[in-house]
Amino acid sequence: MTQSIEDKIISRIYGKGRGWVFFQKDFSHLGSRGAIDLALYRLARKGTIRRVIRGLYDYPAFSQLLDRPLSPDIDQVARALARKFGWRIQPGGAAALNLMGLSTQVPGRSVYLSNGPDRSYEIGNTRLEFRHTALKETSFNLPESSILVQGLRSLGREHITAEVITAIRQWLKPELRPGILRDTRLATGWIYQAIKQICAGENDG
């Protein structure tokens, strides 16, 4: 039995997992634009997916404790918009710290650096801002590399303590560490030394 476009879209969404943010072109290989738009509209009406802003949807993460869907993942929204418009982006310092779990505050504003135009979006209670700038680190293969470099730079060399190294190590999946080391080898000296400590699993040296 041939799968419908809606079934194919659902299969891809489920494969990406809850929290994924997407738009029509993410499914362009599955059918015509009209058919995909109609399928997304139907899935949103059913409540399977959620419209985040015009043209952007997510597969909501769900809180068992609160018994309701969680707010959209701002980092996922930022990356979906970057895909949509062909931008390269990096999280700003505060956004990077929040992603790594080093900030306990829920930001009312999340700033990303971009090679695209200055733009802002209201995502629930959060203002997502893109600021045009000349990006220095554009060759990273892993998004975690950019998060790590920006977060460490925001903290500053004098604040890279053993506790900070340990906290970041808990955030960074072990299987990503070899790629992170390759990605960031040209980063500023003290930043790369901190990354080596994080990836080595040691707090000294």
N, C-alpha and C. Protein backbone atom coordinates (compact mmCIF):
# COMPACT_ATOMS: atom_id res chain seq x y z
N MET A 1 0.85 -1.20 0.00
CA MET A 1 0.00 0.00 0.00
C MET A 1 0.88 1.25 0.00
N THR A 2 0.64 2.18 -0.92
CA THR A 2 1.44 3.39 -1.04
C THR A 2 1.12 4.34 0.11
N GLN A 3 2.19 4.88 0.72
CA GLN A 3 2.01 5.85 1.80
C GLN A 3 1.53 7.18 1.24
N SER A 4 0.63 7.84 1.94
CA SER A 4 0.23 9.19 1.56
C SER A 4 1.34 10.16 1.96
N ILE A 5 1.29 11.36 1.38
CA ILE A 5 2.27 12.39 1.74
C ILE A 5 2.18 12.71 3.23
N GLU A 6 0.96 12.75 3.75
CA GLU A 6 0.78 13.03 5.18
C GLU A 6 1.47 11.97 6.02
N ASP A 7 1.34 10.71 5.64
CA ASP A 7 1.98 9.63 6.38
C ASP A 7 3.51 9.74 6.31
N LYS A 8 4.01 10.11 5.14
CA LYS A 8 5.46 10.27 4.97
C LYS A 8 5.99 11.42 5.83
N ILE A 9 5.22 12.49 5.88
CA ILE A 9 5.63 13.64 6.70
C ILE A 9 5.63 13.26 8.17
N ILE A 10 4.58 12.58 8.60
CA ILE A 10 4.49 12.15 10.00
C ILE A 10 5.67 11.24 10.35
N SER A 11 6.02 10.33 9.45
CA SER A 11 7.12 9.41 9.70
C SER A 11 8.43 10.18 9.90
N ARG A 12 8.66 11.19 9.07
CA ARG A 12 9.87 12.00 9.21
C ARG A 12 9.86 12.80 10.51
N ILE A 13 8.72 13.37 10.85
CA ILE A 13 8.60 14.14 12.09
C ILE A 13 8.86 13.25 13.30
N TYR A 14 8.25 12.08 13.33
CA TYR A 14 8.46 11.16 14.45
C TYR A 14 9.92 10.74 14.54
N GLY A 15 10.55 10.59 13.38
CA GLY A 15 11.96 10.21 13.36
C GLY A 15 12.87 11.26 13.97
N LYS A 16 12.50 12.51 13.81
CA LYS A 16 13.29 13.61 14.38
C LYS A 16 13.06 13.77 15.88
N GLY A 17 11.88 13.38 16.34
CA GLY A 17 11.59 13.43 17.77
C GLY A 17 10.93 14.72 18.21
N ARG A 18 10.41 14.68 19.42
CA ARG A 18 9.69 15.84 19.97
C ARG A 18 10.62 17.03 20.14
N GLY A 19 10.08 18.19 19.87
CA GLY A 19 10.84 19.43 19.96
C GLY A 19 11.35 19.92 18.62
N TRP A 20 11.31 19.05 17.59
CA TRP A 20 11.82 19.45 16.28
C TRP A 20 10.96 20.55 15.68
N VAL A 21 11.61 21.55 15.09
CA VAL A 21 10.92 22.66 14.42
C VAL A 21 11.22 22.57 12.93
N PHE A 22 10.20 22.78 12.11
CA PHE A 22 10.36 22.53 10.68
C PHE A 22 9.46 23.45 9.86
N PHE A 23 9.68 23.44 8.55
CA PHE A 23 8.86 24.23 7.63
C PHE A 23 8.67 23.43 6.34
N GLN A 24 7.90 23.98 5.44
CA GLN A 24 7.46 23.23 4.26
C GLN A 24 8.61 22.63 3.46
N LYS A 25 9.70 23.37 3.28
CA LYS A 25 10.79 22.89 2.43
C LYS A 25 11.53 21.70 3.02
N ASP A 26 11.37 21.47 4.32
CA ASP A 26 11.99 20.29 4.93
C ASP A 26 11.41 19.00 4.37
N PHE A 27 10.28 19.10 3.68
CA PHE A 27 9.61 17.92 3.12
C PHE A 27 9.47 18.02 1.60
N SER A 28 10.23 18.91 0.98
CA SER A 28 10.03 19.19 -0.45
C SER A 28 10.27 17.97 -1.34
N HIS A 29 11.05 17.02 -0.84
CA HIS A 29 11.33 15.81 -1.63
C HIS A 29 10.15 14.83 -1.62
N LEU A 30 9.14 15.11 -0.81
CA LEU A 30 8.03 14.17 -0.66
C LEU A 30 6.85 14.46 -1.58
N GLY A 31 6.81 15.65 -2.17
CA GLY A 31 5.67 15.98 -3.03
C GLY A 31 5.64 17.44 -3.39
N SER A 32 4.54 17.86 -3.98
CA SER A 32 4.41 19.26 -4.40
C SER A 32 4.21 20.16 -3.19
N ARG A 33 4.50 21.44 -3.38
CA ARG A 33 4.33 22.39 -2.30
C ARG A 33 2.89 22.43 -1.80
N GLY A 34 1.94 22.42 -2.74
CA GLY A 34 0.53 22.47 -2.35
C GLY A 34 0.14 21.28 -1.51
N ALA A 35 0.59 20.09 -1.89
CA ALA A 35 0.25 18.87 -1.15
C ALA A 35 0.87 18.89 0.24
N ILE A 36 2.10 19.38 0.33
CA ILE A 36 2.78 19.44 1.63
C ILE A 36 2.12 20.47 2.53
N ASP A 37 1.80 21.64 1.98
CA ASP A 37 1.12 22.68 2.76
C ASP A 37 -0.21 22.16 3.31
N LEU A 38 -0.94 21.43 2.49
CA LEU A 38 -2.23 20.89 2.91
C LEU A 38 -2.04 19.85 4.02
N ALA A 39 -1.03 18.99 3.87
CA ALA A 39 -0.76 17.97 4.89
C ALA A 39 -0.39 18.62 6.22
N LEU A 40 0.45 19.65 6.18
CA LEU A 40 0.85 20.34 7.42
C LEU A 40 -0.36 21.03 8.06
N TYR A 41 -1.21 21.62 7.24
CA TYR A 41 -2.42 22.26 7.75
C TYR A 41 -3.31 21.24 8.47
N ARG A 42 -3.48 20.07 7.85
CA ARG A 42 -4.32 19.03 8.46
C ARG A 42 -3.71 18.52 9.77
N LEU A 43 -2.40 18.33 9.77
CA LEU A 43 -1.74 17.82 10.98
C LEU A 43 -1.82 18.84 12.12
N ALA A 44 -1.77 20.13 11.76
CA ALA A 44 -1.90 21.17 12.78
C ALA A 44 -3.32 21.21 13.33
N ARG A 45 -4.32 21.03 12.45
CA ARG A 45 -5.71 21.01 12.91
C ARG A 45 -5.98 19.84 13.84
N LYS A 46 -5.33 18.71 13.55
CA LYS A 46 -5.49 17.53 14.41
C LYS A 46 -4.79 17.69 15.75
N GLY A 47 -3.86 18.63 15.83
CA GLY A 47 -3.09 18.80 17.06
C GLY A 47 -1.83 17.94 17.11
N THR A 48 -1.51 17.27 16.01
CA THR A 48 -0.30 16.45 15.96
C THR A 48 0.93 17.34 15.97
N ILE A 49 0.87 18.42 15.21
CA ILE A 49 1.94 19.41 15.20
C ILE A 49 1.35 20.75 15.60
N ARG A 50 2.22 21.72 15.84
CA ARG A 50 1.78 23.03 16.32
C ARG A 50 2.38 24.13 15.44
N ARG A 51 1.59 25.10 15.09
CA ARG A 51 2.09 26.26 14.35
C ARG A 51 2.81 27.17 15.34
N VAL A 52 4.09 27.44 15.07
CA VAL A 52 4.90 28.29 15.96
C VAL A 52 4.76 29.75 15.55
N ILE A 53 5.09 30.03 14.30
CA ILE A 53 4.84 31.32 13.66
C ILE A 53 4.46 30.99 12.22
N ARG A 54 4.14 31.99 11.46
CA ARG A 54 3.72 31.74 10.08
C ARG A 54 4.77 30.93 9.33
N GLY A 55 4.35 29.79 8.81
CA GLY A 55 5.23 28.96 8.00
C GLY A 55 6.13 28.03 8.79
N LEU A 56 6.09 28.10 10.10
CA LEU A 56 6.97 27.28 10.95
C LEU A 56 6.13 26.48 11.94
N TYR A 57 6.48 25.21 12.09
CA TYR A 57 5.74 24.31 12.98
C TYR A 57 6.72 23.55 13.87
N ASP A 58 6.17 22.97 14.95
CA ASP A 58 7.00 22.05 15.74
C ASP A 58 6.18 20.83 16.14
N TYR A 59 6.91 19.80 16.53
CA TYR A 59 6.32 18.59 17.11
C TYR A 59 6.54 18.75 18.61
N PRO A 60 5.55 19.25 19.34
CA PRO A 60 5.79 19.73 20.70
C PRO A 60 6.32 18.67 21.66
N ALA A 61 7.32 19.09 22.43
CA ALA A 61 7.72 18.27 23.58
C ALA A 61 6.61 18.36 24.62
N PHE A 62 6.46 17.30 25.41
CA PHE A 62 5.33 17.24 26.36
C PHE A 62 5.85 17.01 27.77
N SER A 63 5.33 17.78 28.72
CA SER A 63 5.70 17.62 30.13
C SER A 63 4.68 16.73 30.83
N GLN A 64 5.14 15.57 31.30
CA GLN A 64 4.25 14.69 32.06
C GLN A 64 3.89 15.33 33.39
N LEU A 65 4.85 16.08 33.98
CA LEU A 65 4.62 16.72 35.26
C LEU A 65 3.54 17.79 35.16
N LEU A 66 3.64 18.62 34.12
CA LEU A 66 2.68 19.71 33.94
C LEU A 66 1.44 19.26 33.16
N ASP A 67 1.53 18.08 32.54
CA ASP A 67 0.45 17.52 31.73
C ASP A 67 0.03 18.47 30.61
N ARG A 68 1.04 19.02 29.94
CA ARG A 68 0.77 19.92 28.81
C ARG A 68 2.01 20.04 27.93
N PRO A 69 1.83 20.48 26.69
CA PRO A 69 2.99 20.68 25.82
C PRO A 69 3.88 21.79 26.36
N LEU A 70 5.19 21.64 26.14
CA LEU A 70 6.14 22.68 26.52
C LEU A 70 6.20 23.76 25.45
N SER A 71 6.74 24.90 25.81
CA SER A 71 6.92 25.98 24.83
C SER A 71 7.90 25.53 23.74
N PRO A 72 7.82 26.12 22.56
CA PRO A 72 8.76 25.75 21.51
C PRO A 72 10.21 25.93 21.94
N ASP A 73 11.08 25.06 21.45
CA ASP A 73 12.51 25.13 21.72
C ASP A 73 13.08 26.28 20.87
N ILE A 74 13.55 27.34 21.56
CA ILE A 74 14.00 28.54 20.84
C ILE A 74 15.20 28.24 19.94
N ASP A 75 16.10 27.38 20.40
CA ASP A 75 17.25 27.04 19.56
C ASP A 75 16.81 26.31 18.30
N GLN A 76 15.83 25.42 18.43
CA GLN A 76 15.29 24.73 17.26
C GLN A 76 14.60 25.70 16.31
N VAL A 77 13.90 26.68 16.88
CA VAL A 77 13.24 27.69 16.05
C VAL A 77 14.29 28.49 15.28
N ALA A 78 15.35 28.90 15.99
CA ALA A 78 16.41 29.68 15.34
C ALA A 78 17.06 28.90 14.20
N ARG A 79 17.31 27.61 14.43
CA ARG A 79 17.97 26.80 13.40
C ARG A 79 17.04 26.52 12.21
N ALA A 80 15.75 26.39 12.49
CA ALA A 80 14.79 26.20 11.39
C ALA A 80 14.72 27.46 10.53
N LEU A 81 14.70 28.63 11.16
CA LEU A 81 14.68 29.88 10.40
C LEU A 81 15.97 30.05 9.59
N ALA A 82 17.09 29.63 10.16
CA ALA A 82 18.36 29.71 9.43
C ALA A 82 18.33 28.80 8.20
N ARG A 83 17.76 27.60 8.35
CA ARG A 83 17.62 26.71 7.20
C ARG A 83 16.71 27.34 6.14
N LYS A 84 15.62 27.90 6.62
CA LYS A 84 14.61 28.46 5.70
C LYS A 84 15.18 29.58 4.84
N PHE A 85 15.99 30.45 5.47
CA PHE A 85 16.48 31.63 4.76
C PHE A 85 17.92 31.50 4.27
N GLY A 86 18.56 30.35 4.58
CA GLY A 86 19.93 30.15 4.13
C GLY A 86 20.95 30.97 4.90
N TRP A 87 20.66 31.25 6.17
CA TRP A 87 21.59 32.01 7.01
C TRP A 87 22.56 31.07 7.72
N ARG A 88 23.72 31.60 8.06
CA ARG A 88 24.60 30.97 9.04
C ARG A 88 24.39 31.70 10.36
N ILE A 89 24.25 30.97 11.44
CA ILE A 89 23.97 31.60 12.73
C ILE A 89 24.87 31.05 13.82
N GLN A 90 25.01 31.83 14.87
CA GLN A 90 25.68 31.40 16.10
C GLN A 90 24.86 31.95 17.26
N PRO A 91 24.71 31.18 18.34
CA PRO A 91 24.03 31.73 19.51
C PRO A 91 24.87 32.82 20.14
N GLY A 92 24.22 33.89 20.60
CA GLY A 92 24.93 34.89 21.38
C GLY A 92 25.37 34.29 22.71
N GLY A 93 26.19 35.01 23.43
CA GLY A 93 26.75 34.48 24.67
C GLY A 93 25.72 34.01 25.67
N ALA A 94 24.70 34.85 25.93
CA ALA A 94 23.67 34.49 26.91
C ALA A 94 22.88 33.27 26.46
N ALA A 95 22.57 33.21 25.15
CA ALA A 95 21.83 32.06 24.62
C ALA A 95 22.66 30.79 24.75
N ALA A 96 23.97 30.89 24.49
CA ALA A 96 24.85 29.72 24.59
C ALA A 96 24.92 29.22 26.04
N LEU A 97 25.03 30.14 26.98
CA LEU A 97 25.07 29.73 28.39
C LEU A 97 23.78 29.04 28.80
N ASN A 98 22.67 29.55 28.30
CA ASN A 98 21.38 28.94 28.62
C ASN A 98 21.29 27.53 28.04
N LEU A 99 21.77 27.35 26.80
CA LEU A 99 21.73 26.04 26.16
C LEU A 99 22.59 25.03 26.90
N MET A 100 23.70 25.48 27.47
CA MET A 100 24.60 24.58 28.20
C MET A 100 24.16 24.34 29.64
N GLY A 101 23.09 25.02 30.05
CA GLY A 101 22.60 24.83 31.42
C GLY A 101 23.37 25.61 32.45
N LEU A 102 24.16 26.61 32.02
CA LEU A 102 24.94 27.41 32.96
C LEU A 102 24.20 28.65 33.42
N SER A 103 23.02 28.88 32.85
CA SER A 103 22.18 29.98 33.29
C SER A 103 20.84 29.40 33.74
N THR A 104 20.41 29.75 34.93
CA THR A 104 19.15 29.22 35.46
C THR A 104 17.97 30.11 35.10
N GLN A 105 18.25 31.26 34.50
CA GLN A 105 17.18 32.17 34.15
C GLN A 105 16.56 31.78 32.81
N VAL A 106 15.26 31.93 32.72
CA VAL A 106 14.58 31.74 31.43
C VAL A 106 14.59 33.10 30.74
N PRO A 107 15.36 33.23 29.66
CA PRO A 107 15.51 34.56 29.07
C PRO A 107 14.24 35.03 28.37
N GLY A 108 13.94 36.32 28.53
CA GLY A 108 12.83 36.91 27.80
C GLY A 108 13.25 37.28 26.40
N ARG A 109 14.58 37.25 26.16
CA ARG A 109 15.12 37.57 24.85
C ARG A 109 16.27 36.63 24.56
N SER A 110 16.29 36.08 23.37
CA SER A 110 17.36 35.18 22.96
C SER A 110 17.96 35.73 21.68
N VAL A 111 19.27 36.00 21.71
CA VAL A 111 19.94 36.67 20.60
C VAL A 111 20.86 35.69 19.87
N TYR A 112 20.75 35.68 18.55
CA TYR A 112 21.63 34.89 17.69
C TYR A 112 22.34 35.83 16.72
N LEU A 113 23.62 35.57 16.50
CA LEU A 113 24.38 36.31 15.50
C LEU A 113 24.15 35.64 14.16
N SER A 114 24.07 36.44 13.10
CA SER A 114 23.69 35.90 11.79
C SER A 114 24.38 36.67 10.68
N ASN A 115 24.60 35.98 9.55
CA ASN A 115 25.08 36.69 8.36
C ASN A 115 23.92 37.21 7.53
N GLY A 116 22.71 37.02 8.04
CA GLY A 116 21.51 37.54 7.40
C GLY A 116 21.13 38.90 7.97
N PRO A 117 19.95 39.41 7.62
CA PRO A 117 19.53 40.73 8.11
C PRO A 117 19.12 40.70 9.57
N ASP A 118 19.07 41.87 10.19
CA ASP A 118 18.51 42.00 11.53
C ASP A 118 17.02 41.67 11.48
N ARG A 119 16.61 40.72 12.29
CA ARG A 119 15.19 40.37 12.36
C ARG A 119 14.85 39.95 13.78
N SER A 120 13.57 40.04 14.12
CA SER A 120 13.12 39.57 15.43
C SER A 120 11.76 38.91 15.29
N TYR A 121 11.51 37.95 16.18
CA TYR A 121 10.27 37.18 16.18
C TYR A 121 9.81 37.01 17.63
N GLU A 122 8.51 37.03 17.82
CA GLU A 122 7.93 36.76 19.13
C GLU A 122 7.53 35.28 19.17
N ILE A 123 8.20 34.51 20.01
CA ILE A 123 7.92 33.08 20.16
C ILE A 123 7.40 32.87 21.58
N GLY A 124 6.07 32.84 21.72
CA GLY A 124 5.50 32.76 23.06
C GLY A 124 5.89 33.98 23.86
N ASN A 125 6.55 33.76 25.00
CA ASN A 125 6.99 34.87 25.86
C ASN A 125 8.43 35.28 25.60
N THR A 126 9.04 34.73 24.56
CA THR A 126 10.44 35.01 24.27
C THR A 126 10.57 35.77 22.95
N ARG A 127 11.42 36.78 22.98
CA ARG A 127 11.74 37.52 21.77
C ARG A 127 13.02 36.93 21.17
N LEU A 128 12.93 36.38 19.98
CA LEU A 128 14.07 35.81 19.29
C LEU A 128 14.62 36.85 18.32
N GLU A 129 15.89 37.23 18.54
CA GLU A 129 16.50 38.27 17.72
C GLU A 129 17.68 37.71 16.93
N PHE A 130 17.75 38.09 15.68
CA PHE A 130 18.91 37.81 14.84
C PHE A 130 19.62 39.14 14.57
N ARG A 131 20.92 39.18 14.87
CA ARG A 131 21.69 40.40 14.65
C ARG A 131 22.75 40.15 13.59
N HIS A 132 22.72 40.97 12.56
CA HIS A 132 23.70 40.81 11.48
C HIS A 132 25.09 41.15 11.98
N THR A 133 26.03 40.28 11.70
CA THR A 133 27.42 40.53 12.09
C THR A 133 28.33 39.70 11.21
N ALA A 134 29.61 40.04 11.20
CA ALA A 134 30.59 39.23 10.48
C ALA A 134 30.96 38.05 11.37
N LEU A 135 30.47 36.88 11.04
CA LEU A 135 30.70 35.71 11.88
C LEU A 135 32.15 35.26 11.78
N LYS A 136 32.76 35.02 12.93
CA LYS A 136 34.16 34.61 12.95
C LYS A 136 34.30 33.09 12.82
N GLU A 137 33.40 32.38 13.46
CA GLU A 137 33.48 30.91 13.41
C GLU A 137 32.34 30.38 12.55
N THR A 138 32.63 30.13 11.28
CA THR A 138 31.58 29.66 10.39
C THR A 138 31.86 28.27 9.85
N SER A 139 32.97 27.68 10.27
CA SER A 139 33.36 26.40 9.68
C SER A 139 33.04 25.21 10.59
N PHE A 140 32.32 25.44 11.67
CA PHE A 140 32.01 24.35 12.58
C PHE A 140 31.07 23.37 11.92
N ASN A 141 31.35 22.10 12.10
CA ASN A 141 30.46 21.05 11.58
C ASN A 141 29.35 20.73 12.57
N LEU A 142 29.60 20.96 13.86
CA LEU A 142 28.64 20.62 14.91
C LEU A 142 28.08 21.89 15.54
N PRO A 143 26.76 21.99 15.70
CA PRO A 143 26.21 23.17 16.36
C PRO A 143 26.71 23.33 17.80
N GLU A 144 27.02 22.20 18.44
CA GLU A 144 27.52 22.26 19.82
C GLU A 144 28.86 22.99 19.91
N SER A 145 29.65 22.94 18.83
CA SER A 145 30.94 23.64 18.83
C SER A 145 30.74 25.14 18.97
N SER A 146 29.80 25.67 18.20
CA SER A 146 29.51 27.10 18.27
C SER A 146 28.98 27.49 19.63
N ILE A 147 28.07 26.66 20.18
CA ILE A 147 27.51 26.93 21.51
C ILE A 147 28.62 26.98 22.54
N LEU A 148 29.53 26.02 22.46
CA LEU A 148 30.62 25.91 23.44
C LEU A 148 31.56 27.11 23.36
N VAL A 149 31.98 27.47 22.16
CA VAL A 149 32.91 28.58 21.99
C VAL A 149 32.28 29.90 22.44
N GLN A 150 31.04 30.14 22.01
CA GLN A 150 30.37 31.38 22.38
C GLN A 150 30.12 31.45 23.89
N GLY A 151 29.74 30.32 24.49
CA GLY A 151 29.49 30.30 25.93
C GLY A 151 30.74 30.57 26.73
N LEU A 152 31.84 29.93 26.36
CA LEU A 152 33.10 30.14 27.07
C LEU A 152 33.58 31.58 26.92
N ARG A 153 33.46 32.12 25.70
CA ARG A 153 33.88 33.51 25.48
C ARG A 153 33.04 34.46 26.32
N SER A 154 31.74 34.18 26.44
CA SER A 154 30.86 35.03 27.23
C SER A 154 31.23 34.99 28.71
N LEU A 155 31.58 33.81 29.20
CA LEU A 155 31.97 33.68 30.60
C LEU A 155 33.26 34.43 30.90
N GLY A 156 34.21 34.33 29.99
CA GLY A 156 35.52 34.95 30.21
C GLY A 156 36.49 33.99 30.87
N ARG A 157 37.75 34.13 30.53
CA ARG A 157 38.79 33.20 30.98
C ARG A 157 38.83 33.04 32.50
N GLU A 158 38.64 34.17 33.20
CA GLU A 158 38.77 34.15 34.67
C GLU A 158 37.64 33.39 35.36
N HIS A 159 36.58 33.08 34.64
CA HIS A 159 35.43 32.39 35.24
C HIS A 159 35.34 30.91 34.84
N ILE A 160 36.36 30.41 34.15
CA ILE A 160 36.36 29.00 33.76
C ILE A 160 36.92 28.18 34.92
N THR A 161 36.06 27.85 35.86
CA THR A 161 36.46 27.10 37.05
C THR A 161 36.26 25.60 36.85
N ALA A 162 36.74 24.83 37.82
CA ALA A 162 36.54 23.37 37.77
C ALA A 162 35.05 23.04 37.75
N GLU A 163 34.25 23.82 38.48
CA GLU A 163 32.80 23.59 38.51
C GLU A 163 32.17 23.83 37.15
N VAL A 164 32.63 24.88 36.47
CA VAL A 164 32.12 25.18 35.14
C VAL A 164 32.50 24.08 34.16
N ILE A 165 33.76 23.63 34.22
CA ILE A 165 34.22 22.54 33.35
C ILE A 165 33.36 21.29 33.56
N THR A 166 33.10 20.97 34.82
CA THR A 166 32.29 19.79 35.13
C THR A 166 30.86 19.93 34.61
N ALA A 167 30.28 21.12 34.79
CA ALA A 167 28.90 21.35 34.33
C ALA A 167 28.80 21.22 32.81
N ILE A 168 29.76 21.78 32.09
CA ILE A 168 29.73 21.70 30.63
C ILE A 168 29.94 20.26 30.17
N ARG A 169 30.83 19.54 30.86
CA ARG A 169 31.07 18.14 30.51
C ARG A 169 29.80 17.30 30.63
N GLN A 170 28.99 17.62 31.62
CA GLN A 170 27.73 16.88 31.79
C GLN A 170 26.76 17.19 30.66
N TRP A 171 26.85 18.40 30.11
CA TRP A 171 25.97 18.79 28.99
C TRP A 171 26.43 18.17 27.67
N LEU A 172 27.73 18.07 27.49
CA LEU A 172 28.28 17.64 26.20
C LEU A 172 28.37 16.12 26.12
N LYS A 173 27.65 15.54 25.18
CA LYS A 173 27.63 14.08 25.04
C LYS A 173 29.02 13.56 24.69
N PRO A 174 29.45 12.47 25.35
CA PRO A 174 30.80 11.95 25.10
C PRO A 174 31.08 11.64 23.63
N GLU A 175 30.08 11.16 22.91
CA GLU A 175 30.32 10.77 21.51
C GLU A 175 30.59 11.98 20.61
N LEU A 176 30.26 13.19 21.08
CA LEU A 176 30.50 14.39 20.29
C LEU A 176 31.89 14.97 20.50
N ARG A 177 32.59 14.54 21.55
CA ARG A 177 33.83 15.20 21.95
C ARG A 177 34.95 15.14 20.92
N PRO A 178 35.18 14.00 20.24
CA PRO A 178 36.23 14.01 19.20
C PRO A 178 35.95 15.02 18.09
N GLY A 179 34.69 15.12 17.68
CA GLY A 179 34.32 16.08 16.64
C GLY A 179 34.46 17.52 17.12
N ILE A 180 34.12 17.76 18.39
CA ILE A 180 34.27 19.09 18.98
C ILE A 180 35.73 19.52 18.95
N LEU A 181 36.62 18.62 19.33
CA LEU A 181 38.05 18.93 19.35
C LEU A 181 38.57 19.27 17.95
N ARG A 182 38.11 18.54 16.96
CA ARG A 182 38.51 18.85 15.58
C ARG A 182 37.93 20.18 15.12
N ASP A 183 36.68 20.41 15.47
CA ASP A 183 35.97 21.63 15.05
C ASP A 183 36.63 22.90 15.59
N THR A 184 37.07 22.84 16.84
CA THR A 184 37.46 24.07 17.56
C THR A 184 38.97 24.25 17.67
N ARG A 185 39.74 23.48 16.94
CA ARG A 185 41.20 23.52 17.11
C ARG A 185 41.80 24.89 16.79
N LEU A 186 41.09 25.71 16.02
CA LEU A 186 41.60 27.04 15.68
C LEU A 186 40.99 28.14 16.54
N ALA A 187 40.24 27.75 17.56
CA ALA A 187 39.65 28.75 18.47
C ALA A 187 40.76 29.41 19.30
N THR A 188 40.43 30.55 19.88
CA THR A 188 41.36 31.27 20.76
C THR A 188 42.01 30.32 21.75
N GLY A 189 43.30 30.52 22.02
CA GLY A 189 44.09 29.59 22.82
C GLY A 189 43.46 29.15 24.13
N TRP A 190 43.05 30.09 24.97
CA TRP A 190 42.51 29.71 26.28
C TRP A 190 41.17 28.99 26.14
N ILE A 191 40.40 29.35 25.11
CA ILE A 191 39.12 28.67 24.88
C ILE A 191 39.37 27.22 24.48
N TYR A 192 40.34 27.00 23.60
CA TYR A 192 40.62 25.62 23.17
C TYR A 192 41.20 24.81 24.32
N GLN A 193 41.99 25.42 25.18
CA GLN A 193 42.52 24.71 26.35
C GLN A 193 41.37 24.26 27.27
N ALA A 194 40.38 25.14 27.45
CA ALA A 194 39.21 24.77 28.27
C ALA A 194 38.43 23.64 27.61
N ILE A 195 38.29 23.71 26.29
CA ILE A 195 37.57 22.65 25.56
C ILE A 195 38.30 21.33 25.68
N LYS A 196 39.63 21.35 25.63
CA LYS A 196 40.41 20.12 25.80
C LYS A 196 40.19 19.52 27.19
N GLN A 197 40.11 20.36 28.21
CA GLN A 197 39.83 19.87 29.56
C GLN A 197 38.44 19.22 29.61
N ILE A 198 37.47 19.87 29.00
CA ILE A 198 36.09 19.34 28.98
C ILE A 198 36.05 18.01 28.28
N CYS A 199 36.68 17.91 27.13
CA CYS A 199 36.62 16.70 26.31
C CYS A 199 37.49 15.58 26.85
N ALA A 200 38.54 15.94 27.61
CA ALA A 200 39.44 14.92 28.16
C ALA A 200 38.86 14.25 29.39
N GLY A 201 37.89 14.91 30.02
CA GLY A 201 37.32 14.34 31.25
C GLY A 201 38.18 14.58 32.46
N GLU A 202 39.04 15.61 32.38
CA GLU A 202 39.90 15.94 33.50
C GLU A 202 39.71 17.41 33.81
N ASN A 203 39.83 17.75 35.10
CA ASN A 203 39.64 19.13 35.51
C ASN A 203 40.93 19.93 35.54
N ASP A 204 42.07 19.27 35.38
CA ASP A 204 43.31 20.02 35.42
C ASP A 204 44.10 19.79 34.15
N GLY A 205 45.01 20.74 33.89
CA GLY A 205 45.93 20.62 32.79
C GLY A 205 45.40 20.81 31.46
